[in-house]
Amino acid sequence: MGAIKMIKATKTHIIGAGMSGLSAAVSLIKTGHGVVLHESAGHAGGRCRSFQDDAMGCRIDNGNHLLLGGNRAAYAYLKDIGAEDSLTGPERAEFHFLDLKTAERWTVTLNAGFLPKAIFSKAGRVPGSRPIDYLRAFRLAWAGGEATVAQCLGPDNALFRRFWEPIAVAVLNTAAEEGAASLLSTVMRETLFRGEAACRPLIAKQGLSESFVDPAIRFLEGRGADIGLNNRLRGLNIEDGRVAELDFGDGSVALDDGDTVVLAVPPPVAAGLVPGLRTPGEFRAIVNGHFRLERKIEGFSFLGLNGGLGQWLFVRGDVASVTVSAADDLAEKDNASIAGRLWADVALGLGLGDVPLPPHRIVKEKRATFAQTPEQEKRRPGARTGLKNLFLAGDWIATGLPATIEGSIRSGRTAADMILSFMSS
């Protein structure tokens, strides 16, 4: 009888515990695959997290992240980690808007009859829009790789200014005049063109960490994942076309022959670690303003804003938050002036009258996402790299989606699927 050959268990080292890294880790470990998660910060979640703010005296989200019913990867992730009931939102796919300059209010209901109803009935239209404006939506279906949102849908009509533009800027974090129409088209195919359920807006009941991060960490730890915070990767030691060792500065980790690596880090970090890697090189800022209200507002509500500084106002409990996307210029302003301008929009939106500025926090993310222009879209790499055991994940890789939570989670799952396929080959 011959000797029994012992096969050493292999594992995947995931660098980065943001949404893409957590998604890859969850997707792998639920199959029984070994996972080691390394995060340079002292917390997981990346931009998708909650924290206690002492100035406001409450817990807030880093930024506002709205999901839609059609975000299938995000729902699958939440189900995996046992947090599928942690989102809330209106029963219908209704989007309320306010023009801060004219005080006009209107509601857009995104159901299967949205376009036909708006084309044939004035009652179903955005104020000031015309039937022909709605027909332009079909241009997205044939948008070429060089087309921008404004070229397809605007800019000389009320529907563009009062609906498409705030939607597009929020989705792409890029001005509509330069934002890639192809990316918005993908979102529309997965939401608007699939009916009302796919368009239903949702947000975390308690907070982003409570929905997306904390349950994932518990899920991973319960299945034996090794999670290390404050552990920044300094370099990759490459031998014979594969990553042979991870250099963490104060120590290194040698990889066994079957081990794999997922880089789930921002594009500049990835480009600095992987020789010859081409990544998006332009970025756009997001500014969020959070304000503590005097009283709680039951449930959750959100409001699209026209004619103001921000595009969207969110209210959850006694916290009102305003998001300003594509905010490069604003991010250079001082926090005090930003807070004053945003609070004026909040007070108008909520009908609060002339009330003093309450406790607040301004959060600036100067490199929140890559610039989602046609040019930068071409620079998004795939999940596979030139190194046989190295894979990429992140909202900036070529998912076909914008840089959103859905895109991040889908990228992590794609990397995991590739690794499992690689292991079985």
Protein backbone atom coordinates (compact mmCIF):
# COMPACT_ATOMS: atom_id res chain seq x y z
CA MET A 1 0.00 0.00 0.00
CA GLY A 2 1.50 3.35 -1.07
CA ALA A 3 2.02 6.33 1.18
CA ILE A 4 -0.93 8.66 1.65
CA LYS A 5 -0.27 12.08 0.09
CA MET A 6 -1.22 14.95 2.38
CA ILE A 7 -2.78 17.91 0.56
CA LYS A 8 -2.34 21.22 2.34
CA ALA A 9 -5.49 23.37 2.48
CA THR A 10 -5.25 26.52 0.37
CA LYS A 11 -6.66 29.91 1.18
CA THR A 12 -7.27 33.34 -0.26
CA HIS A 13 -5.77 36.52 1.16
CA ILE A 14 -8.12 39.45 0.58
CA ILE A 15 -6.53 42.88 0.80
CA GLY A 16 -9.16 45.44 1.79
CA ALA A 17 -12.30 45.04 3.89
CA GLY A 18 -14.54 47.46 2.03
CA MET A 19 -17.70 46.22 0.35
CA SER A 20 -15.88 44.46 -2.49
CA GLY A 21 -13.46 42.71 -0.12
CA LEU A 22 -16.24 41.67 2.24
CA SER A 23 -18.29 40.40 -0.70
CA ALA A 24 -15.39 38.30 -1.98
CA ALA A 25 -14.74 36.94 1.52
CA VAL A 26 -18.39 36.02 2.11
CA SER A 27 -18.71 34.40 -1.33
CA LEU A 28 -15.60 32.28 -0.74
CA ILE A 29 -16.06 31.26 2.86
CA LYS A 30 -19.63 30.08 2.39
CA THR A 31 -18.21 27.37 0.11
CA GLY A 32 -15.77 26.27 2.81
CA HIS A 33 -12.81 28.08 1.25
CA GLY A 34 -10.23 29.50 3.67
CA VAL A 35 -10.14 33.31 3.94
CA VAL A 36 -7.66 35.76 5.45
CA LEU A 37 -8.87 39.36 5.39
CA HIS A 38 -6.37 42.23 5.71
CA GLU A 39 -7.51 45.85 6.24
CA SER A 40 -5.25 48.88 6.53
CA ALA A 41 -7.77 50.91 8.56
CA GLY A 42 -8.97 50.20 12.06
CA HIS A 43 -12.43 49.29 10.83
CA ALA A 44 -14.10 47.40 7.99
CA GLY A 45 -16.59 48.80 5.49
CA GLY A 46 -14.55 51.42 3.65
CA ARG A 47 -16.89 54.24 2.57
CA CYS A 48 -19.92 52.13 3.54
CA ARG A 49 -19.91 52.43 7.32
CA SER A 50 -21.41 54.13 10.37
CA PHE A 51 -19.71 55.88 13.27
CA GLN A 52 -20.49 57.77 16.46
CA ASP A 53 -20.25 61.53 15.99
CA ASP A 54 -19.56 63.37 19.25
CA ALA A 55 -20.53 66.81 17.91
CA MET A 56 -23.98 65.55 16.90
CA GLY A 57 -24.30 63.18 19.83
CA CYS A 58 -25.51 60.31 17.70
CA ARG A 59 -24.45 57.63 15.26
CA ILE A 60 -24.40 58.56 11.56
CA ASP A 61 -23.46 56.98 8.25
CA ASN A 62 -20.31 58.10 6.49
CA GLY A 63 -22.46 58.98 3.48
CA ASN A 64 -25.86 58.31 2.01
CA HIS A 65 -26.20 55.12 -0.02
CA LEU A 66 -29.55 54.43 -1.64
CA LEU A 67 -30.24 50.96 -3.00
CA LEU A 68 -32.94 49.88 -5.44
CA GLY A 69 -35.02 46.75 -5.56
CA GLY A 70 -33.18 45.63 -8.70
CA ASN A 71 -29.80 45.46 -6.92
CA ARG A 72 -29.68 41.66 -7.03
CA ALA A 73 -26.07 41.23 -5.89
CA ALA A 74 -26.60 43.45 -2.83
CA TYR A 75 -29.72 41.50 -1.86
CA ALA A 76 -27.93 38.17 -2.26
CA TYR A 77 -25.06 39.44 -0.09
CA LEU A 78 -27.44 40.61 2.64
CA LYS A 79 -29.22 37.26 2.56
CA ASP A 80 -25.90 35.41 2.90
CA ILE A 81 -24.95 37.36 6.03
CA GLY A 82 -28.44 37.20 7.56
CA ALA A 83 -29.27 40.88 7.10
CA GLU A 84 -31.90 40.68 4.34
CA ASP A 85 -34.51 42.37 6.58
CA SER A 86 -32.27 45.30 7.54
CA LEU A 87 -33.43 47.66 4.76
CA THR A 88 -36.46 49.92 4.71
CA GLY A 89 -38.19 52.18 2.23
CA PRO A 90 -41.54 53.19 0.78
CA GLU A 91 -43.88 50.50 -0.48
CA ARG A 92 -43.97 52.05 -3.93
CA ALA A 93 -41.22 53.25 -6.23
CA GLU A 94 -42.01 56.91 -5.65
CA PHE A 95 -39.43 59.66 -5.97
CA HIS A 96 -40.46 63.02 -4.53
CA PHE A 97 -38.85 66.24 -5.77
CA LEU A 98 -38.77 69.89 -4.73
CA ASP A 99 -37.63 72.91 -6.70
CA LEU A 100 -36.05 75.08 -4.01
CA LYS A 101 -36.32 78.21 -6.16
CA THR A 102 -39.98 77.92 -7.22
CA ALA A 103 -41.31 75.77 -4.31
CA GLU A 104 -42.85 73.37 -6.85
CA ARG A 105 -43.20 69.77 -5.68
CA TRP A 106 -43.84 66.67 -7.78
CA THR A 107 -43.64 62.90 -7.56
CA VAL A 108 -42.32 60.45 -10.14
CA THR A 109 -43.61 56.89 -9.81
CA LEU A 110 -41.28 54.47 -11.58
CA ASN A 111 -43.54 51.62 -12.58
CA ALA A 112 -43.98 49.70 -15.80
CA GLY A 113 -46.29 52.41 -17.13
CA PHE A 114 -44.03 55.34 -16.27
CA LEU A 115 -43.00 56.24 -19.82
CA PRO A 116 -46.35 55.57 -21.60
CA LYS A 117 -48.29 57.42 -18.90
CA ALA A 118 -45.99 60.41 -19.09
CA ILE A 119 -46.11 60.49 -22.87
CA PHE A 120 -49.91 60.42 -23.10
CA SER A 121 -50.98 62.15 -19.87
CA LYS A 122 -49.89 65.54 -18.59
CA ALA A 123 -50.81 64.46 -15.05
CA GLY A 124 -48.03 61.88 -15.12
CA ARG A 125 -45.30 64.28 -16.22
CA VAL A 126 -42.67 66.26 -14.41
CA PRO A 127 -43.77 69.94 -14.38
CA GLY A 128 -42.71 71.69 -17.56
CA SER A 129 -41.82 68.49 -19.44
CA ARG A 130 -43.17 67.44 -22.84
CA PRO A 131 -44.09 64.02 -24.27
CA ILE A 132 -41.06 64.04 -26.58
CA ASP A 133 -38.73 64.46 -23.62
CA TYR A 134 -39.70 60.99 -22.34
CA LEU A 135 -39.01 59.37 -25.68
CA ARG A 136 -35.37 60.36 -25.30
CA ALA A 137 -35.06 57.75 -22.55
CA PHE A 138 -34.89 55.10 -25.27
CA ARG A 139 -31.65 56.68 -26.52
CA LEU A 140 -29.95 55.14 -23.50
CA ALA A 141 -30.61 51.67 -24.89
CA TRP A 142 -28.41 52.48 -27.90
CA ALA A 143 -25.90 54.73 -26.17
CA GLY A 144 -22.44 54.19 -27.61
CA GLY A 145 -19.29 54.08 -25.56
CA GLU A 146 -18.51 57.73 -26.23
CA ALA A 147 -21.95 59.15 -25.48
CA THR A 148 -22.62 61.24 -22.37
CA VAL A 149 -25.83 61.43 -20.36
CA ALA A 150 -26.48 65.01 -21.46
CA GLN A 151 -26.05 64.09 -25.12
CA CYS A 152 -28.66 61.35 -24.81
CA LEU A 153 -31.22 62.96 -22.52
CA GLY A 154 -30.72 66.71 -22.46
CA PRO A 155 -29.82 69.31 -21.72
CA ASP A 156 -32.51 71.63 -23.09
CA ASN A 157 -35.61 70.19 -21.43
CA ALA A 158 -37.31 70.23 -18.02
CA LEU A 159 -37.32 66.44 -17.67
CA PHE A 160 -33.55 66.38 -17.91
CA ARG A 161 -33.03 69.18 -15.40
CA ARG A 162 -35.70 68.00 -12.96
CA PHE A 163 -35.31 64.22 -13.11
CA TRP A 164 -32.58 62.69 -15.26
CA GLU A 165 -29.79 65.02 -14.18
CA PRO A 166 -30.14 64.54 -10.38
CA ILE A 167 -30.55 60.78 -10.92
CA ALA A 168 -27.50 60.56 -13.20
CA VAL A 169 -25.25 62.71 -10.99
CA ALA A 170 -26.16 60.59 -7.95
CA VAL A 171 -25.56 57.31 -9.80
CA LEU A 172 -22.35 58.31 -11.59
CA ASN A 173 -20.93 60.95 -9.21
CA THR A 174 -20.02 62.77 -12.40
CA ALA A 175 -21.62 65.76 -14.12
CA ALA A 176 -24.21 64.72 -16.72
CA GLU A 177 -22.30 66.64 -19.39
CA GLU A 178 -19.39 64.20 -19.05
CA GLY A 179 -20.93 61.13 -17.40
CA ALA A 180 -20.95 57.90 -19.45
CA ALA A 181 -24.44 57.19 -20.79
CA SER A 182 -23.58 53.50 -21.13
CA LEU A 183 -23.27 53.16 -17.34
CA LEU A 184 -26.60 54.87 -16.68
CA SER A 185 -28.11 52.65 -19.37
CA THR A 186 -27.04 49.52 -17.47
CA VAL A 187 -28.69 50.81 -14.31
CA MET A 188 -31.90 51.61 -16.18
CA ARG A 189 -32.01 48.13 -17.73
CA GLU A 190 -31.71 46.53 -14.29
CA THR A 191 -34.24 48.84 -12.62
CA LEU A 192 -36.61 51.07 -14.62
CA PHE A 193 -37.09 48.62 -17.47
CA ARG A 194 -37.84 45.76 -15.04
CA GLY A 195 -40.84 47.37 -13.38
CA GLU A 196 -41.74 49.02 -10.10
CA ALA A 197 -40.36 46.40 -7.70
CA ALA A 198 -36.89 46.82 -9.23
CA CYS A 199 -37.08 50.60 -8.76
CA ARG A 200 -38.22 50.62 -5.12
CA PRO A 201 -35.77 52.80 -3.12
CA LEU A 202 -34.28 51.32 0.04
CA ILE A 203 -31.90 52.39 2.78
CA ALA A 204 -30.49 50.76 5.91
CA LYS A 205 -32.96 50.87 8.80
CA GLN A 206 -30.30 51.60 11.41
CA GLY A 207 -27.07 52.30 9.58
CA LEU A 208 -24.72 51.07 6.90
CA SER A 209 -22.52 49.18 9.35
CA GLU A 210 -25.50 47.50 10.97
CA SER A 211 -26.69 46.25 7.57
CA PHE A 212 -23.60 45.62 5.46
CA VAL A 213 -20.55 45.41 7.69
CA ASP A 214 -21.16 44.10 11.20
CA PRO A 215 -23.25 41.08 10.10
CA ALA A 216 -20.58 40.24 7.48
CA ILE A 217 -17.81 40.30 10.09
CA ARG A 218 -19.85 38.04 12.37
CA PHE A 219 -20.56 35.71 9.44
CA LEU A 220 -16.87 35.48 8.53
CA GLU A 221 -15.60 35.06 12.06
CA GLY A 222 -18.21 32.39 12.73
CA ARG A 223 -16.79 30.38 9.85
CA GLY A 224 -13.17 30.70 10.84
CA ALA A 225 -11.97 33.65 8.78
CA ASP A 226 -8.81 35.35 10.00
CA ILE A 227 -9.43 39.13 10.05
CA GLY A 228 -6.62 41.60 10.65
CA LEU A 229 -7.21 45.36 10.98
CA ASN A 230 -4.54 48.09 10.89
CA ASN A 231 -2.56 45.85 8.57
CA ARG A 232 -1.45 47.73 5.46
CA LEU A 233 0.03 45.84 2.51
CA ARG A 234 3.31 47.45 1.45
CA GLY A 235 4.23 45.31 -1.51
CA LEU A 236 3.83 42.10 -3.50
CA ASN A 237 6.83 39.84 -3.94
CA ILE A 238 6.44 38.23 -7.35
CA GLU A 239 8.17 35.07 -8.54
CA ASP A 240 7.53 32.98 -11.66
CA GLY A 241 4.43 34.91 -12.68
CA ARG A 242 2.63 34.66 -9.35
CA VAL A 243 2.47 36.44 -6.01
CA ALA A 244 4.80 34.52 -3.73
CA GLU A 245 4.76 36.74 -0.66
CA LEU A 246 2.78 39.61 0.88
CA ASP A 247 4.92 42.34 2.41
CA PHE A 248 3.27 44.18 5.32
CA GLY A 249 6.29 46.23 6.27
CA ASP A 250 6.78 44.85 9.75
CA GLY A 251 6.41 41.29 8.52
CA SER A 252 5.64 39.19 5.47
CA VAL A 253 3.35 36.29 4.63
CA ALA A 254 4.61 33.56 2.30
CA LEU A 255 1.98 32.04 0.04
CA ASP A 256 1.65 28.34 -0.60
CA ASP A 257 1.41 27.10 -4.17
CA GLY A 258 -2.38 27.02 -4.25
CA ASP A 259 -3.00 30.28 -2.38
CA THR A 260 -4.64 33.20 -4.13
CA VAL A 261 -4.88 36.94 -3.51
CA VAL A 262 -7.69 39.45 -4.08
CA LEU A 263 -6.72 43.10 -4.20
CA ALA A 264 -9.83 45.01 -3.10
CA VAL A 265 -8.20 48.40 -2.71
CA PRO A 266 -8.61 51.82 -4.41
CA PRO A 267 -7.18 52.11 -7.94
CA PRO A 268 -4.12 54.24 -7.02
CA VAL A 269 -3.14 51.67 -4.39
CA ALA A 270 -3.63 48.77 -6.79
CA ALA A 271 -1.62 50.55 -9.50
CA GLY A 272 1.23 51.03 -7.01
CA LEU A 273 1.27 47.35 -6.10
CA VAL A 274 0.80 45.62 -9.47
CA PRO A 275 3.40 46.35 -12.17
CA GLY A 276 1.86 47.61 -15.41
CA LEU A 277 -1.73 47.71 -14.10
CA ARG A 278 -3.86 50.29 -15.93
CA THR A 279 -6.56 51.87 -13.77
CA PRO A 280 -8.83 54.92 -13.83
CA GLY A 281 -6.79 57.97 -12.92
CA GLU A 282 -9.38 60.71 -12.47
CA PHE A 283 -11.68 61.00 -9.46
CA ARG A 284 -14.70 62.93 -8.25
CA ALA A 285 -15.61 64.13 -4.77
CA ILE A 286 -18.74 63.64 -2.69
CA VAL A 287 -19.73 65.94 0.17
CA ASN A 288 -22.31 64.87 2.76
CA GLY A 289 -23.88 67.14 5.35
CA HIS A 290 -25.52 65.56 8.44
CA PHE A 291 -27.76 67.62 10.74
CA ARG A 292 -29.37 66.70 14.08
CA LEU A 293 -33.05 67.68 14.11
CA GLU A 294 -34.95 68.79 17.20
CA ARG A 295 -37.43 65.95 16.84
CA LYS A 296 -37.55 62.53 15.25
CA ILE A 297 -39.43 61.94 12.03
CA GLU A 298 -41.03 58.53 11.92
CA GLY A 299 -39.85 56.12 9.25
CA PHE A 300 -37.55 57.11 6.42
CA SER A 301 -38.02 59.65 3.67
CA PHE A 302 -35.93 61.16 0.93
CA LEU A 303 -36.38 64.08 -1.41
CA GLY A 304 -34.76 65.06 -4.69
CA LEU A 305 -33.68 68.70 -4.72
CA ASN A 306 -33.59 71.04 -7.71
CA GLY A 307 -32.07 74.50 -7.64
CA GLY A 308 -29.99 73.98 -4.51
CA LEU A 309 -26.52 72.86 -3.60
CA GLY A 310 -27.26 69.17 -2.98
CA GLN A 311 -29.17 66.67 -5.08
CA TRP A 312 -30.79 64.47 -2.41
CA LEU A 313 -32.09 64.97 1.11
CA PHE A 314 -32.45 61.93 3.38
CA VAL A 315 -34.24 61.88 6.73
CA ARG A 316 -33.99 58.98 9.16
CA GLY A 317 -35.17 59.54 12.71
CA ASP A 318 -33.75 62.84 13.93
CA VAL A 319 -30.93 63.05 11.40
CA ALA A 320 -31.28 64.86 8.06
CA SER A 321 -28.51 64.29 5.53
CA VAL A 322 -27.79 66.01 2.23
CA THR A 323 -25.61 64.50 -0.49
CA VAL A 324 -23.72 66.60 -3.02
CA SER A 325 -22.24 64.45 -5.78
CA ALA A 326 -19.64 65.55 -8.34
CA ALA A 327 -18.58 68.02 -5.65
CA ASP A 328 -14.95 68.76 -6.49
CA ASP A 329 -15.29 72.54 -6.16
CA LEU A 330 -17.43 72.36 -3.03
CA ALA A 331 -14.99 70.01 -1.30
CA GLU A 332 -12.40 72.81 -1.37
CA LYS A 333 -14.65 75.14 0.67
CA ASP A 334 -14.48 75.39 4.46
CA ASN A 335 -16.89 73.25 6.46
CA ALA A 336 -18.65 76.19 8.10
CA SER A 337 -19.76 77.74 4.81
CA ILE A 338 -20.78 74.34 3.43
CA ALA A 339 -22.88 73.61 6.51
CA GLY A 340 -24.68 76.93 6.30
CA ARG A 341 -25.57 76.51 2.64
CA LEU A 342 -26.70 72.90 3.04
CA TRP A 343 -28.76 73.65 6.14
CA ALA A 344 -30.64 76.34 4.20
CA ASP A 345 -31.64 73.64 1.68
CA VAL A 346 -32.66 71.25 4.48
CA ALA A 347 -34.78 73.87 6.22
CA LEU A 348 -36.58 74.68 2.97
CA GLY A 349 -37.02 71.04 2.07
CA LEU A 350 -38.51 70.12 5.42
CA GLY A 351 -40.47 73.35 5.85
CA LEU A 352 -38.69 74.23 9.11
CA GLY A 353 -38.69 77.99 8.61
CA ASP A 354 -35.90 80.23 9.85
CA VAL A 355 -34.19 77.97 12.39
CA PRO A 356 -30.58 78.15 13.58
CA LEU A 357 -27.92 75.74 12.40
CA PRO A 358 -28.13 72.61 14.59
CA PRO A 359 -25.32 70.20 15.59
CA HIS A 360 -23.88 68.87 12.36
CA ARG A 361 -21.04 67.08 10.61
CA ILE A 362 -19.65 67.72 7.11
CA VAL A 363 -17.98 64.70 5.52
CA LYS A 364 -15.76 65.26 2.48
CA GLU A 365 -14.55 62.42 0.30
CA LYS A 366 -12.33 64.06 -2.29
CA ARG A 367 -11.62 60.83 -4.17
CA ALA A 368 -14.94 59.11 -3.51
CA THR A 369 -15.20 57.39 -6.92
CA PHE A 370 -13.37 57.37 -10.19
CA ALA A 371 -14.67 59.87 -12.75
CA GLN A 372 -17.26 57.85 -14.63
CA THR A 373 -16.66 59.34 -18.04
CA PRO A 374 -16.38 57.42 -21.33
CA GLU A 375 -12.62 57.92 -21.27
CA GLN A 376 -12.14 56.64 -17.72
CA GLU A 377 -14.59 53.77 -18.29
CA LYS A 378 -12.13 52.40 -20.86
CA ARG A 379 -9.42 52.26 -18.19
CA ARG A 380 -11.30 49.84 -15.92
CA PRO A 381 -9.43 46.51 -15.79
CA GLY A 382 -11.01 43.09 -15.49
CA ALA A 383 -10.85 40.93 -12.37
CA ARG A 384 -8.04 38.78 -13.81
CA THR A 385 -4.49 40.10 -13.82
CA GLY A 386 -1.29 39.04 -15.53
CA LEU A 387 -0.32 37.17 -12.35
CA LYS A 388 -1.96 33.77 -12.21
CA ASN A 389 -2.97 33.87 -8.53
CA LEU A 390 -3.88 37.56 -8.26
CA PHE A 391 -7.41 38.90 -8.79
CA LEU A 392 -8.97 42.36 -8.50
CA ALA A 393 -12.18 43.58 -6.89
CA GLY A 394 -13.64 47.04 -6.44
CA ASP A 395 -16.27 49.37 -7.83
CA TRP A 396 -13.62 50.65 -10.27
CA ILE A 397 -12.99 47.40 -12.15
CA ALA A 398 -14.93 46.47 -15.31
CA THR A 399 -18.26 45.37 -13.87
CA GLY A 400 -20.34 47.24 -16.46
CA LEU A 401 -21.94 49.07 -13.53
CA PRO A 402 -21.26 52.47 -11.98
CA ALA A 403 -19.18 52.78 -8.80
CA THR A 404 -21.99 51.90 -6.39
CA ILE A 405 -22.57 49.41 -3.58
CA GLU A 406 -24.12 47.05 -6.12
CA GLY A 407 -21.03 47.32 -8.34
CA SER A 408 -18.68 46.75 -5.39
CA ILE A 409 -20.52 43.67 -4.18
CA ARG A 410 -20.79 42.24 -7.68
CA SER A 411 -17.06 42.72 -8.25
CA GLY A 412 -16.22 40.79 -5.08
CA ARG A 413 -18.50 37.95 -6.06
CA THR A 414 -16.94 37.85 -9.54
CA ALA A 415 -13.44 37.61 -8.09
CA ALA A 416 -14.57 34.81 -5.78
CA ASP A 417 -16.16 32.89 -8.66
CA MET A 418 -12.95 33.18 -10.67
CA ILE A 419 -10.88 31.90 -7.77
CA LEU A 420 -13.14 28.90 -7.24
CA SER A 421 -12.92 28.15 -10.96
CA PHE A 422 -9.14 28.59 -10.83
CA MET A 423 -8.90 26.18 -7.89
CA SER A 424 -10.91 23.50 -9.67
CA SER A 425 -8.97 23.71 -12.93
